[in-house]
N, C-alpha and C. Protein backbone atom coordinates (compact mmCIF):
# COMPACT_ATOMS: atom_id res chain seq x y z
N MET A 1 -124.81 111.08 49.22
CA MET A 1 -123.99 109.94 50.06
C MET A 1 -122.73 111.01 51.10
N ARG A 2 -122.65 111.09 52.13
CA ARG A 2 -122.14 111.86 53.12
C ARG A 2 -120.59 112.00 52.40
N GLN A 3 -119.91 112.97 53.10
CA GLN A 3 -118.61 113.32 52.23
C GLN A 3 -117.56 112.37 53.06
N TYR A 4 -117.97 111.69 54.39
CA TYR A 4 -117.13 110.60 54.86
C TYR A 4 -117.95 109.52 55.60
N SER A 5 -117.71 108.61 54.78
CA SER A 5 -118.71 107.19 54.95
C SER A 5 -117.70 106.41 56.62
N ASN A 6 -118.78 105.77 56.62
CA ASN A 6 -118.36 104.94 57.95
C ASN A 6 -117.19 103.75 57.31
N ASP A 7 -116.13 103.26 58.34
CA ASP A 7 -115.50 102.28 57.86
C ASP A 7 -116.04 101.14 59.30
N LEU A 8 -116.70 100.58 58.61
CA LEU A 8 -116.83 99.53 60.27
C LEU A 8 -115.97 98.51 60.68
N ARG A 9 -114.92 97.90 59.78
CA ARG A 9 -114.01 97.65 60.05
C ARG A 9 -112.90 98.00 60.60
N LEU A 10 -112.77 99.62 60.35
CA LEU A 10 -111.63 100.50 61.05
C LEU A 10 -112.53 100.83 62.59
N TRP A 11 -113.39 100.51 62.52
CA TRP A 11 -114.38 100.92 63.68
C TRP A 11 -114.21 99.82 65.02
N ALA A 12 -114.37 98.56 64.45
CA ALA A 12 -113.72 97.14 65.38
C ALA A 12 -112.59 97.13 65.75
N LEU A 13 -111.30 97.38 64.53
CA LEU A 13 -110.08 97.35 64.70
C LEU A 13 -109.86 98.34 66.17
N ALA A 14 -110.26 100.10 65.82
CA ALA A 14 -110.19 100.89 67.13
C ALA A 14 -111.14 100.29 68.24
N THR A 15 -112.27 99.69 68.37
CA THR A 15 -112.92 99.08 69.40
C THR A 15 -111.82 98.77 70.11
N GLY A 16 -111.77 97.29 69.41
CA GLY A 16 -110.70 96.10 69.97
C GLY A 16 -109.40 96.34 70.64
N CYS A 17 -108.67 97.61 69.75
CA CYS A 17 -107.37 97.43 70.34
C CYS A 17 -107.58 98.38 71.54
N LEU A 18 -108.66 99.36 71.50
CA LEU A 18 -108.45 100.23 72.82
C LEU A 18 -109.30 99.47 74.15
N PHE A 19 -110.13 98.44 73.76
CA PHE A 19 -110.74 97.49 74.71
C PHE A 19 -109.12 96.69 75.36
N THR A 20 -108.36 96.33 74.24
CA THR A 20 -107.73 95.18 74.69
C THR A 20 -106.25 96.22 75.66
N ALA A 21 -106.08 97.69 75.25
CA ALA A 21 -104.85 98.27 76.12
C ALA A 21 -105.59 98.68 77.37
N CYS A 22 -107.07 98.69 77.61
CA CYS A 22 -107.34 99.01 78.61
C CYS A 22 -107.39 97.76 79.92
N VAL A 23 -107.56 96.45 79.07
CA VAL A 23 -107.51 95.26 79.97
C VAL A 23 -106.05 94.81 80.44
N VAL A 24 -105.51 95.20 79.55
CA VAL A 24 -104.29 95.14 79.90
C VAL A 24 -103.34 96.08 80.89
N ALA A 25 -104.14 97.35 80.69
CA ALA A 25 -103.46 98.63 81.91
C ALA A 25 -104.38 97.97 83.25
N ARG A 26 -105.53 97.83 83.25
CA ARG A 26 -105.87 97.24 84.19
C ARG A 26 -105.49 95.82 85.26
N LEU A 27 -105.02 94.85 84.04
CA LEU A 27 -104.61 93.93 84.58
C LEU A 27 -102.96 94.25 85.40
N VAL A 28 -102.43 95.37 84.90
CA VAL A 28 -100.96 95.59 85.62
C VAL A 28 -101.40 96.22 86.48
N VAL A 29 -102.60 97.17 86.72
CA VAL A 29 -102.51 98.00 87.95
C VAL A 29 -103.28 97.36 88.91
N THR A 30 -103.67 96.27 89.11
CA THR A 30 -104.47 95.72 90.00
C THR A 30 -104.48 94.45 89.91
N GLY A 31 -103.91 93.96 89.18
CA GLY A 31 -103.41 92.50 89.23
C GLY A 31 -104.43 91.59 89.19
N VAL A 32 -104.10 90.28 89.06
CA VAL A 32 -105.13 89.19 88.71
C VAL A 32 -105.66 88.44 90.39
N GLY A 33 -105.58 89.30 91.09
CA GLY A 33 -105.97 89.21 92.10
C GLY A 33 -107.61 88.56 92.34
N ASP A 34 -108.16 89.41 91.72
CA ASP A 34 -110.16 89.29 91.99
C ASP A 34 -110.23 89.51 90.74
N VAL A 35 -110.75 88.32 90.07
CA VAL A 35 -110.52 87.66 88.74
C VAL A 35 -112.11 88.30 88.50
N GLY A 36 -113.40 87.61 89.68
CA GLY A 36 -114.43 87.40 89.09
C GLY A 36 -115.03 88.69 89.55
N ARG A 37 -114.54 89.60 89.95
CA ARG A 37 -114.81 91.16 89.87
C ARG A 37 -114.26 91.92 88.71
N PHE A 38 -113.21 91.49 88.30
CA PHE A 38 -112.75 91.98 87.14
C PHE A 38 -113.96 91.26 85.42
N LEU A 39 -113.92 90.38 85.96
CA LEU A 39 -114.56 89.84 84.77
C LEU A 39 -116.58 90.57 84.63
N VAL A 40 -116.95 90.49 86.24
CA VAL A 40 -118.22 91.55 86.08
C VAL A 40 -117.94 93.04 85.47
N ALA A 41 -116.56 93.67 85.56
CA ALA A 41 -116.71 94.90 85.15
C ALA A 41 -116.20 94.97 83.80
N MET A 42 -115.97 93.63 82.63
CA MET A 42 -115.21 93.64 81.89
C MET A 42 -116.63 93.92 80.52
N PRO A 43 -117.82 93.60 80.38
CA PRO A 43 -118.78 94.08 79.78
C PRO A 43 -119.15 95.61 79.79
N VAL A 44 -118.88 96.23 81.10
CA VAL A 44 -118.91 97.99 81.22
C VAL A 44 -117.87 98.05 80.14
N LEU A 45 -116.66 98.12 80.60
CA LEU A 45 -115.61 98.34 80.06
C LEU A 45 -115.58 98.32 78.72
N TRP A 46 -116.17 97.44 77.72
CA TRP A 46 -116.40 96.77 76.62
C TRP A 46 -117.55 97.80 76.01
N LEU A 47 -118.35 98.16 77.00
CA LEU A 47 -119.45 99.13 76.21
C LEU A 47 -118.84 100.54 76.23
N ALA A 48 -117.94 101.08 77.07
CA ALA A 48 -117.43 102.21 77.24
C ALA A 48 -116.40 102.29 76.17
N CYS A 49 -115.87 101.46 75.65
CA CYS A 49 -114.77 101.55 74.57
C CYS A 49 -115.76 101.73 73.59
N ILE A 50 -116.73 101.42 72.84
CA ILE A 50 -117.64 101.44 71.70
C ILE A 50 -117.45 102.76 71.31
N PRO A 51 -118.37 103.66 71.99
CA PRO A 51 -118.24 104.96 71.57
C PRO A 51 -116.75 105.55 71.51
N ALA A 52 -115.98 105.48 72.26
CA ALA A 52 -114.35 105.54 72.31
C ALA A 52 -113.85 105.35 70.98
N GLY A 53 -113.56 104.01 70.27
CA GLY A 53 -113.50 103.96 69.13
C GLY A 53 -114.16 104.26 68.39
N TRP A 54 -115.32 104.82 67.96
CA TRP A 54 -116.17 105.26 67.24
C TRP A 54 -115.58 106.67 66.79
N ALA A 55 -115.19 108.10 67.94
CA ALA A 55 -114.55 108.81 68.01
C ALA A 55 -112.70 108.23 66.93
N LEU A 56 -112.47 107.34 67.60
CA LEU A 56 -111.09 107.07 67.11
C LEU A 56 -111.33 106.99 65.69
N HIS A 57 -112.22 106.40 65.49
CA HIS A 57 -112.68 105.42 64.07
C HIS A 57 -112.98 106.66 62.86
N ALA A 58 -113.36 107.93 63.46
CA ALA A 58 -114.00 109.13 62.97
C ALA A 58 -113.09 109.59 62.28
N LEU A 59 -112.03 109.97 63.55
CA LEU A 59 -110.92 111.14 63.45
C LEU A 59 -109.97 110.58 62.56
N ALA A 60 -109.93 109.16 62.22
CA ALA A 60 -109.19 108.26 60.95
C ALA A 60 -109.53 108.37 59.92
N VAL A 61 -110.73 108.36 59.93
CA VAL A 61 -111.12 108.77 58.62
C VAL A 61 -111.25 109.94 58.08
N VAL A 62 -111.52 111.35 58.52
CA VAL A 62 -111.70 112.33 58.29
C VAL A 62 -110.14 112.46 57.96
N CYS A 63 -109.22 112.14 58.65
CA CYS A 63 -107.74 112.38 58.03
C CYS A 63 -107.23 111.28 56.91
N GLY A 64 -107.87 110.30 56.66
CA GLY A 64 -107.80 109.37 55.30
C GLY A 64 -107.10 108.31 55.25
N ALA A 65 -107.39 107.68 56.51
CA ALA A 65 -107.06 106.21 56.98
C ALA A 65 -108.94 105.20 56.73
N ARG A 66 -108.24 104.52 55.61
CA ARG A 66 -109.61 103.58 55.36
C ARG A 66 -108.92 102.45 55.20
N PHE A 67 -109.44 101.18 55.49
CA PHE A 67 -109.31 100.16 54.83
C PHE A 67 -109.70 99.77 53.07
N PRO A 68 -108.60 99.25 52.30
CA PRO A 68 -108.70 99.09 51.32
C PRO A 68 -110.67 98.35 50.79
N ARG A 69 -111.24 98.98 49.94
CA ARG A 69 -112.50 98.14 49.53
C ARG A 69 -112.35 97.04 48.39
N PHE A 70 -112.72 96.08 48.33
CA PHE A 70 -112.75 95.29 47.71
C PHE A 70 -113.68 95.49 46.24
N ALA A 71 -112.83 94.88 45.30
CA ALA A 71 -113.62 95.42 43.63
C ALA A 71 -114.80 93.98 43.72
N ALA A 72 -115.63 94.32 43.19
CA ALA A 72 -116.69 93.26 42.81
C ALA A 72 -115.77 92.16 41.67
N PRO A 73 -116.23 90.78 41.77
CA PRO A 73 -115.64 89.55 41.37
C PRO A 73 -116.05 90.59 39.50
N PRO A 74 -115.23 89.98 38.38
CA PRO A 74 -115.47 90.44 37.01
C PRO A 74 -116.46 89.76 36.52
N ASP A 75 -117.23 88.70 36.79
CA ASP A 75 -118.41 88.25 36.13
C ASP A 75 -119.69 88.85 36.94
N ALA A 76 -119.48 89.47 38.07
CA ALA A 76 -120.62 90.14 38.36
C ALA A 76 -121.18 90.99 37.95
N ALA A 77 -120.67 91.68 36.46
CA ALA A 77 -121.23 92.68 36.09
C ALA A 77 -122.22 92.14 34.64
N ASP A 78 -121.95 90.93 34.76
CA ASP A 78 -123.01 89.86 34.18
C ASP A 78 -124.54 89.79 34.27
N TYR A 79 -124.88 90.07 35.79
CA TYR A 79 -125.90 89.82 36.60
C TYR A 79 -126.43 91.44 36.40
N ASP A 80 -127.49 91.47 36.27
CA ASP A 80 -128.26 92.67 36.70
C ASP A 80 -129.55 92.07 37.36
N ASP A 81 -130.42 93.35 38.05
CA ASP A 81 -131.26 92.95 38.68
C ASP A 81 -132.88 93.15 38.12
N ALA A 82 -132.51 93.70 36.78
CA ALA A 82 -133.57 94.03 35.42
C ALA A 82 -134.66 92.51 35.62
N PRO A 83 -135.82 93.04 35.54
CA PRO A 83 -136.86 91.83 35.35
C PRO A 83 -136.29 91.36 33.87
N PRO A 84 -137.09 89.85 33.73
CA PRO A 84 -136.74 89.89 31.86
C PRO A 84 -137.62 90.33 31.17
N PRO A 85 -137.05 90.12 30.04
CA PRO A 85 -137.95 91.13 29.08
C PRO A 85 -139.56 90.46 28.71
N GLY A 86 -140.50 91.24 28.39
CA GLY A 86 -141.88 90.37 28.05
C GLY A 86 -142.51 90.56 28.90
């Protein structure tokens, strides 16, 4: 296993925060006057935020920031994937 594994929830959070910040900044700078042109540019902006969000997520994971992993329920140990005997 790799030393630093991906944390997909952290990646989604980083991408979403970056996208939201870009949308707010663009609305502040350009205004709301040309909504149609802005809506056409949003998917391109989203696609640009995905790799940038991954880079932020990778930096955070290397620095030790991770979301907690949830433990398996206590009765999960009773079930195994082995075939029945015989």
